[in-house]
Amino acid sequence: MDQGTLINLLIFVVGLLVTWNAFLFKRTLDINSELGEFRLEVAKEYTSKEDLKEMLNSLETRLEKQITNFIKTITLRDEP
């Protein structure tokens, strides 16, 4: 095999590898995009307003408890 044939074969193989890697990269981007759209759709469809209200009420209750405990701690510390 002479040098010219070897170089042509090497160029061909490198071209195939670059094309394959570009294909895999694009496919990965497409799959990630589809996955993001699916997650958004699931979040929109399967989280009801009642669930959100319940979560917010629970958060509000926990925050009120924490603030109350914090205020009690501060006032007890200030007393002689």
PDB file of N, CA and C in Angstrom:
ATOM      1  N   MET A   1       0.860  -1.167   0.000  1.00  0.00           N
ATOM      2  CA  MET A   1       0.000   0.000   0.000  1.00  0.00           C
ATOM      3  C   MET A   1       0.911   1.236   0.000  1.00  0.00           C
ATOM      4  N   ASP A   2       0.697   2.101  -0.959  1.00  0.00           N
ATOM      5  CA  ASP A   2       1.542   3.288  -1.030  1.00  0.00           C
ATOM      6  C   ASP A   2       1.007   4.392  -0.128  1.00  0.00           C
ATOM      7  N   GLN A   3       1.786   5.443   0.000  1.00  0.00           N
ATOM      8  CA  GLN A   3       1.435   6.530   0.922  1.00  0.00           C
ATOM      9  C   GLN A   3       0.153   7.245   0.513  1.00  0.00           C
ATOM     10  N   GLY A   4      -0.062   7.462  -0.751  1.00  0.00           N
ATOM     11  CA  GLY A   4      -1.259   8.158  -1.228  1.00  0.00           C
ATOM     12  C   GLY A   4      -2.525   7.411  -0.862  1.00  0.00           C
ATOM     13  N   THR A   5      -2.523   6.102  -1.054  1.00  0.00           N
ATOM     14  CA  THR A   5      -3.682   5.279  -0.712  1.00  0.00           C
ATOM     15  C   THR A   5      -3.917   5.288   0.791  1.00  0.00           C
ATOM     16  N   LEU A   6      -2.842   5.200   1.549  1.00  0.00           N
ATOM     17  CA  LEU A   6      -2.951   5.211   3.004  1.00  0.00           C
ATOM     18  C   LEU A   6      -3.522   6.540   3.508  1.00  0.00           C
ATOM     19  N   ILE A   7      -3.057   7.638   2.942  1.00  0.00           N
ATOM     20  CA  ILE A   7      -3.569   8.958   3.338  1.00  0.00           C
ATOM     21  C   ILE A   7      -5.039   9.087   2.974  1.00  0.00           C
ATOM     22  N   ASN A   8      -5.418   8.626   1.780  1.00  0.00           N
ATOM     23  CA  ASN A   8      -6.826   8.685   1.368  1.00  0.00           C
ATOM     24  C   ASN A   8      -7.702   7.838   2.288  1.00  0.00           C
ATOM     25  N   LEU A   9      -7.218   6.665   2.656  1.00  0.00           N
ATOM     26  CA  LEU A   9      -7.963   5.804   3.573  1.00  0.00           C
ATOM     27  C   LEU A   9      -8.098   6.460   4.941  1.00  0.00           C
ATOM     28  N   LEU A  10      -7.029   7.065   5.422  1.00  0.00           N
ATOM     29  CA  LEU A  10      -7.054   7.752   6.709  1.00  0.00           C
ATOM     30  C   LEU A  10      -8.030   8.926   6.684  1.00  0.00           C
ATOM     31  N   ILE A  11      -8.025   9.705   5.613  1.00  0.00           N
ATOM     32  CA  ILE A  11      -8.963  10.830   5.471  1.00  0.00           C
ATOM     33  C   ILE A  11     -10.396  10.316   5.463  1.00  0.00           C
ATOM     34  N   PHE A  12     -10.637   9.205   4.771  1.00  0.00           N
ATOM     35  CA  PHE A  12     -11.977   8.625   4.712  1.00  0.00           C
ATOM     36  C   PHE A  12     -12.445   8.181   6.103  1.00  0.00           C
ATOM     37  N   VAL A  13     -11.574   7.496   6.831  1.00  0.00           N
ATOM     38  CA  VAL A  13     -11.924   7.006   8.171  1.00  0.00           C
ATOM     39  C   VAL A  13     -12.158   8.171   9.125  1.00  0.00           C
ATOM     40  N   VAL A  14     -11.304   9.180   9.079  1.00  0.00           N
ATOM     41  CA  VAL A  14     -11.482  10.349   9.943  1.00  0.00           C
ATOM     42  C   VAL A  14     -12.787  11.054   9.604  1.00  0.00           C
ATOM     43  N   GLY A  15     -13.107  11.159   8.322  1.00  0.00           N
ATOM     44  CA  GLY A  15     -14.380  11.757   7.908  1.00  0.00           C
ATOM     45  C   GLY A  15     -15.573  10.999   8.465  1.00  0.00           C
ATOM     46  N   LEU A  16     -15.497   9.665   8.410  1.00  0.00           N
ATOM     47  CA  LEU A  16     -16.581   8.851   8.971  1.00  0.00           C
ATOM     48  C   LEU A  16     -16.713   9.066  10.476  1.00  0.00           C
ATOM     49  N   LEU A  17     -15.591   9.110  11.175  1.00  0.00           N
ATOM     50  CA  LEU A  17     -15.627   9.312  12.627  1.00  0.00           C
ATOM     51  C   LEU A  17     -16.203  10.678  12.990  1.00  0.00           C
ATOM     52  N   VAL A  18     -15.805  11.713  12.266  1.00  0.00           N
ATOM     53  CA  VAL A  18     -16.326  13.054  12.538  1.00  0.00           C
ATOM     54  C   VAL A  18     -17.822  13.097  12.263  1.00  0.00           C
ATOM     55  N   THR A  19     -18.258  12.493  11.163  1.00  0.00           N
ATOM     56  CA  THR A  19     -19.686  12.460  10.833  1.00  0.00           C
ATOM     57  C   THR A  19     -20.467  11.703  11.899  1.00  0.00           C
ATOM     58  N   TRP A  20     -19.947  10.565  12.338  1.00  0.00           N
ATOM     59  CA  TRP A  20     -20.614   9.763  13.368  1.00  0.00           C
ATOM     60  C   TRP A  20     -20.722  10.544  14.681  1.00  0.00           C
ATOM     61  N   ASN A  21     -19.647  11.216  15.078  1.00  0.00           N
ATOM     62  CA  ASN A  21     -19.677  12.003  16.312  1.00  0.00           C
ATOM     63  C   ASN A  21     -20.647  13.173  16.205  1.00  0.00           C
ATOM     64  N   ALA A  22     -20.715  13.813  15.048  1.00  0.00           N
ATOM     65  CA  ALA A  22     -21.669  14.907  14.851  1.00  0.00           C
ATOM     66  C   ALA A  22     -23.100  14.383  14.949  1.00  0.00           C
ATOM     67  N   PHE A  23     -23.348  13.198  14.357  1.00  0.00           N
ATOM     68  CA  PHE A  23     -24.674  12.589  14.440  1.00  0.00           C
ATOM     69  C   PHE A  23     -25.043  12.293  15.895  1.00  0.00           C
ATOM     70  N   LEU A  24     -24.121  11.695  16.637  1.00  0.00           N
ATOM     71  CA  LEU A  24     -24.395  11.371  18.039  1.00  0.00           C
ATOM     72  C   LEU A  24     -24.637  12.630  18.867  1.00  0.00           C
ATOM     73  N   PHE A  25     -23.866  13.680  18.621  1.00  0.00           N
ATOM     74  CA  PHE A  25     -24.036  14.928  19.349  1.00  0.00           C
ATOM     75  C   PHE A  25     -25.411  15.529  19.073  1.00  0.00           C
ATOM     76  N   LYS A  26     -25.808  15.575  17.794  1.00  0.00           N
ATOM     77  CA  LYS A  26     -27.118  16.135  17.445  1.00  0.00           C
ATOM     78  C   LYS A  26     -28.234  15.291  18.045  1.00  0.00           C
ATOM     79  N   ARG A  27     -28.091  13.988  17.987  1.00  0.00           N
ATOM     80  CA  ARG A  27     -29.118  13.100  18.546  1.00  0.00           C
ATOM     81  C   ARG A  27     -29.237  13.299  20.059  1.00  0.00           C
ATOM     82  N   THR A  28     -28.121  13.469  20.736  1.00  0.00           N
ATOM     83  CA  THR A  28     -28.137  13.716  22.177  1.00  0.00           C
ATOM     84  C   THR A  28     -28.849  15.023  22.493  1.00  0.00           C
ATOM     85  N   LEU A  29     -28.576  16.065  21.715  1.00  0.00           N
ATOM     86  CA  LEU A  29     -29.263  17.341  21.922  1.00  0.00           C
ATOM     87  C   LEU A  29     -30.765  17.200  21.700  1.00  0.00           C
ATOM     88  N   ASP A  30     -31.156  16.459  20.648  1.00  0.00           N
ATOM     89  CA  ASP A  30     -32.578  16.251  20.373  1.00  0.00           C
ATOM     90  C   ASP A  30     -33.261  15.497  21.506  1.00  0.00           C
ATOM     91  N   ILE A  31     -32.605  14.467  22.010  1.00  0.00           N
ATOM     92  CA  ILE A  31     -33.187  13.667  23.095  1.00  0.00           C
ATOM     93  C   ILE A  31     -33.316  14.513  24.363  1.00  0.00           C
ATOM     94  N   ASN A  32     -32.303  15.312  24.666  1.00  0.00           N
ATOM     95  CA  ASN A  32     -32.375  16.176  25.852  1.00  0.00           C
ATOM     96  C   ASN A  32     -33.497  17.192  25.716  1.00  0.00           C
ATOM     97  N   SER A  33     -33.684  17.719  24.510  1.00  0.00           N
ATOM     98  CA  SER A  33     -34.763  18.677  24.278  1.00  0.00           C
ATOM     99  C   SER A  33     -36.125  18.007  24.464  1.00  0.00           C
ATOM    100  N   GLU A  34     -36.276  16.805  23.899  1.00  0.00           N
ATOM    101  CA  GLU A  34     -37.531  16.068  24.049  1.00  0.00           C
ATOM    102  C   GLU A  34     -37.798  15.734  25.513  1.00  0.00           C
ATOM    103  N   LEU A  35     -36.767  15.366  26.241  1.00  0.00           N
ATOM    104  CA  LEU A  35     -36.917  15.045  27.658  1.00  0.00           C
ATOM    105  C   LEU A  35     -37.357  16.273  28.447  1.00  0.00           C
ATOM    106  N   GLY A  36     -36.778  17.424  28.133  1.00  0.00           N
ATOM    107  CA  GLY A  36     -37.180  18.662  28.798  1.00  0.00           C
ATOM    108  C   GLY A  36     -38.630  19.008  28.520  1.00  0.00           C
ATOM    109  N   GLU A  37     -39.054  18.845  27.262  1.00  0.00           N
ATOM    110  CA  GLU A  37     -40.448  19.104  26.911  1.00  0.00           C
ATOM    111  C   GLU A  37     -41.376  18.134  27.635  1.00  0.00           C
ATOM    112  N   PHE A  38     -40.974  16.867  27.734  1.00  0.00           N
ATOM    113  CA  PHE A  38     -41.788  15.872  28.425  1.00  0.00           C
ATOM    114  C   PHE A  38     -41.919  16.209  29.904  1.00  0.00           C
ATOM    115  N   ARG A  39     -40.817  16.607  30.532  1.00  0.00           N
ATOM    116  CA  ARG A  39     -40.869  16.969  31.953  1.00  0.00           C
ATOM    117  C   ARG A  39     -41.783  18.165  32.173  1.00  0.00           C
ATOM    118  N   LEU A  40     -41.720  19.132  31.271  1.00  0.00           N
ATOM    119  CA  LEU A  40     -42.583  20.301  31.388  1.00  0.00           C
ATOM    120  C   LEU A  40     -44.043  19.904  31.236  1.00  0.00           C
ATOM    121  N   GLU A  41     -44.320  19.024  30.280  1.00  0.00           N
ATOM    122  CA  GLU A  41     -45.692  18.558  30.072  1.00  0.00           C
ATOM    123  C   GLU A  41     -46.204  17.810  31.296  1.00  0.00           C
ATOM    124  N   VAL A  42     -45.376  16.948  31.866  1.00  0.00           N
ATOM    125  CA  VAL A  42     -45.770  16.200  33.065  1.00  0.00           C
ATOM    126  C   VAL A  42     -46.022  17.163  34.216  1.00  0.00           C
ATOM    127  N   ALA A  43     -45.159  18.156  34.356  1.00  0.00           N
ATOM    128  CA  ALA A  43     -45.330  19.123  35.442  1.00  0.00           C
ATOM    129  C   ALA A  43     -46.628  19.895  35.276  1.00  0.00           C
ATOM    130  N   LYS A  44     -46.971  20.244  34.046  1.00  0.00           N
ATOM    131  CA  LYS A  44     -48.206  21.000  33.811  1.00  0.00           C
ATOM    132  C   LYS A  44     -49.443  20.136  34.025  1.00  0.00           C
ATOM    133  N   GLU A  45     -49.394  18.906  33.544  1.00  0.00           N
ATOM    134  CA  GLU A  45     -50.583  18.063  33.550  1.00  0.00           C
ATOM    135  C   GLU A  45     -50.853  17.376  34.887  1.00  0.00           C
ATOM    136  N   TYR A  46     -49.812  17.029  35.609  1.00  0.00           N
ATOM    137  CA  TYR A  46     -50.002  16.194  36.784  1.00  0.00           C
ATOM    138  C   TYR A  46     -49.839  16.927  38.104  1.00  0.00           C
ATOM    139  N   THR A  47     -49.663  18.224  38.052  1.00  0.00           N
ATOM    140  CA  THR A  47     -49.640  19.017  39.273  1.00  0.00           C
ATOM    141  C   THR A  47     -50.877  19.896  39.254  1.00  0.00           C
ATOM    142  N   SER A  48     -51.829  19.567  40.081  1.00  0.00           N
ATOM    143  CA  SER A  48     -53.077  20.319  40.075  1.00  0.00           C
ATOM    144  C   SER A  48     -52.950  21.551  40.961  1.00  0.00           C
ATOM    145  N   LYS A  49     -53.894  22.442  40.801  1.00  0.00           N
ATOM    146  CA  LYS A  49     -53.894  23.657  41.615  1.00  0.00           C
ATOM    147  C   LYS A  49     -54.108  23.326  43.086  1.00  0.00           C
ATOM    148  N   GLU A  50     -54.879  22.296  43.351  1.00  0.00           N
ATOM    149  CA  GLU A  50     -55.112  21.903  44.736  1.00  0.00           C
ATOM    150  C   GLU A  50     -53.810  21.430  45.388  1.00  0.00           C
ATOM    151  N   ASP A  51     -53.024  20.669  44.632  1.00  0.00           N
ATOM    152  CA  ASP A  51     -51.733  20.219  45.165  1.00  0.00           C
ATOM    153  C   ASP A  51     -50.837  21.407  45.472  1.00  0.00           C
ATOM    154  N   LEU A  52     -50.815  22.378  44.569  1.00  0.00           N
ATOM    155  CA  LEU A  52     -49.987  23.562  44.788  1.00  0.00           C
ATOM    156  C   LEU A  52     -50.462  24.342  46.006  1.00  0.00           C
ATOM    157  N   LYS A  53     -51.787  24.487  46.143  1.00  0.00           N
ATOM    158  CA  LYS A  53     -52.322  25.199  47.307  1.00  0.00           C
ATOM    159  C   LYS A  53     -51.948  24.473  48.596  1.00  0.00           C
ATOM    160  N   GLU A  54     -52.059  23.145  48.574  1.00  0.00           N
ATOM    161  CA  GLU A  54     -51.718  22.351  49.754  1.00  0.00           C
ATOM    162  C   GLU A  54     -50.239  22.510  50.107  1.00  0.00           C
ATOM    163  N   MET A  55     -49.377  22.473  49.084  1.00  0.00           N
ATOM    164  CA  MET A  55     -47.943  22.640  49.340  1.00  0.00           C
ATOM    165  C   MET A  55     -47.645  24.029  49.891  1.00  0.00           C
ATOM    166  N   LEU A  56     -48.281  25.050  49.341  1.00  0.00           N
ATOM    167  CA  LEU A  56     -48.045  26.414  49.816  1.00  0.00           C
ATOM    168  C   LEU A  56     -48.566  26.604  51.237  1.00  0.00           C
ATOM    169  N   ASN A  57     -49.729  26.028  51.542  1.00  0.00           N
ATOM    170  CA  ASN A  57     -50.255  26.111  52.907  1.00  0.00           C
ATOM    171  C   ASN A  57     -49.329  25.407  53.896  1.00  0.00           C
ATOM    172  N   SER A  58     -48.819  24.254  53.502  1.00  0.00           N
ATOM    173  CA  SER A  58     -47.879  23.531  54.357  1.00  0.00           C
ATOM    174  C   SER A  58     -46.609  24.348  54.568  1.00  0.00           C
ATOM    175  N   LEU A  59     -46.119  24.957  53.500  1.00  0.00           N
ATOM    176  CA  LEU A  59     -44.932  25.801  53.609  1.00  0.00           C
ATOM    177  C   LEU A  59     -45.198  26.986  54.527  1.00  0.00           C
ATOM    178  N   GLU A  60     -46.362  27.597  54.378  1.00  0.00           N
ATOM    179  CA  GLU A  60     -46.719  28.740  55.226  1.00  0.00           C
ATOM    180  C   GLU A  60     -46.771  28.326  56.698  1.00  0.00           C
ATOM    181  N   THR A  61     -47.366  27.183  56.973  1.00  0.00           N
ATOM    182  CA  THR A  61     -47.459  26.690  58.347  1.00  0.00           C
ATOM    183  C   THR A  61     -46.073  26.441  58.938  1.00  0.00           C
ATOM    184  N   ARG A  62     -45.214  25.800  58.163  1.00  0.00           N
ATOM    185  CA  ARG A  62     -43.858  25.529  58.657  1.00  0.00           C
ATOM    186  C   ARG A  62     -43.086  26.815  58.897  1.00  0.00           C
ATOM    187  N   LEU A  63     -43.235  27.782  57.996  1.00  0.00           N
ATOM    188  CA  LEU A  63     -42.538  29.055  58.181  1.00  0.00           C
ATOM    189  C   LEU A  63     -43.040  29.791  59.417  1.00  0.00           C
ATOM    190  N   GLU A  64     -44.349  29.762  59.637  1.00  0.00           N
ATOM    191  CA  GLU A  64     -44.901  30.406  60.829  1.00  0.00           C
ATOM    192  C   GLU A  64     -44.348  29.756  62.094  1.00  0.00           C
ATOM    193  N   LYS A  65     -44.259  28.422  62.106  1.00  0.00           N
ATOM    194  CA  LYS A  65     -43.692  27.722  63.261  1.00  0.00           C
ATOM    195  C   LYS A  65     -42.240  28.131  63.485  1.00  0.00           C
ATOM    196  N   GLN A  66     -41.472  28.162  62.413  1.00  0.00           N
ATOM    197  CA  GLN A  66     -40.059  28.522  62.530  1.00  0.00           C
ATOM    198  C   GLN A  66     -39.893  29.945  63.039  1.00  0.00           C
ATOM    199  N   ILE A  67     -40.693  30.862  62.517  1.00  0.00           N
ATOM    200  CA  ILE A  67     -40.602  32.261  62.954  1.00  0.00           C
ATOM    201  C   ILE A  67     -40.999  32.384  64.413  1.00  0.00           C
ATOM    202  N   THR A  68     -42.067  31.691  64.805  1.00  0.00           N
ATOM    203  CA  THR A  68     -42.513  31.726  66.195  1.00  0.00           C
ATOM    204  C   THR A  68     -41.429  31.177  67.121  1.00  0.00           C
ATOM    205  N   ASN A  69     -40.850  30.049  66.762  1.00  0.00           N
ATOM    206  CA  ASN A  69     -39.774  29.470  67.576  1.00  0.00           C
ATOM    207  C   ASN A  69     -38.564  30.390  67.634  1.00  0.00           C
ATOM    208  N   PHE A  70     -38.248  31.024  66.531  1.00  0.00           N
ATOM    209  CA  PHE A  70     -37.120  31.950  66.488  1.00  0.00           C
ATOM    210  C   PHE A  70     -37.363  33.138  67.411  1.00  0.00           C
ATOM    211  N   ILE A  71     -38.576  33.680  67.361  1.00  0.00           N
ATOM    212  CA  ILE A  71     -38.914  34.826  68.217  1.00  0.00           C
ATOM    213  C   ILE A  71     -38.866  34.413  69.684  1.00  0.00           C
ATOM    214  N   LYS A  72     -39.380  33.224  70.006  1.00  0.00           N
ATOM    215  CA  LYS A  72     -39.322  32.737  71.380  1.00  0.00           C
ATOM    216  C   LYS A  72     -37.880  32.596  71.843  1.00  0.00           C
ATOM    217  N   THR A  73     -37.044  32.080  70.999  1.00  0.00           N
ATOM    218  CA  THR A  73     -35.632  31.903  71.346  1.00  0.00           C
ATOM    219  C   THR A  73     -34.968  33.242  71.603  1.00  0.00           C
ATOM    220  N   ILE A  74     -35.254  34.204  70.770  1.00  0.00           N
ATOM    221  CA  ILE A  74     -34.651  35.532  70.931  1.00  0.00           C
ATOM    222  C   ILE A  74     -35.143  36.194  72.211  1.00  0.00           C
ATOM    223  N   THR A  75     -36.445  36.109  72.477  1.00  0.00           N
ATOM    224  CA  THR A  75     -36.982  36.763  73.674  1.00  0.00           C
ATOM    225  C   THR A  75     -36.497  36.076  74.944  1.00  0.00           C
ATOM    226  N   LEU A  76     -36.332  34.758  74.925  1.00  0.00           N
ATOM    227  CA  LEU A  76     -35.826  34.051  76.102  1.00  0.00           C
ATOM    228  C   LEU A  76     -34.361  34.389  76.352  1.00  0.00           C
ATOM    229  N   ARG A  77     -33.617  34.602  75.308  1.00  0.00           N
ATOM    230  CA  ARG A  77     -32.205  34.927  75.445  1.00  0.00           C
ATOM    231  C   ARG A  77     -32.033  36.331  76.024  1.00  0.00           C
ATOM    232  N   ASP A  78     -32.926  37.243  75.677  1.00  0.00           N
ATOM    233  CA  ASP A  78     -32.821  38.624  76.146  1.00  0.00           C
ATOM    234  C   ASP A  78     -33.246  38.791  77.597  1.00  0.00           C
ATOM    235  N   GLU A  79     -34.040  37.862  78.122  1.00  0.00           N
ATOM    236  CA  GLU A  79     -34.502  37.987  79.509  1.00  0.00           C
ATOM    237  C   GLU A  79     -33.358  37.657  80.470  1.00  0.00           C
ATOM    238  N   PRO A  80     -33.261  38.425  81.572  1.00  0.00           N
ATOM    239  CA  PRO A  80     -32.175  38.164  82.546  1.00  0.00           C
ATOM    240  C   PRO A  80     -32.430  36.955  83.402  1.00  0.00           C
TER     241      PRO A  80
END
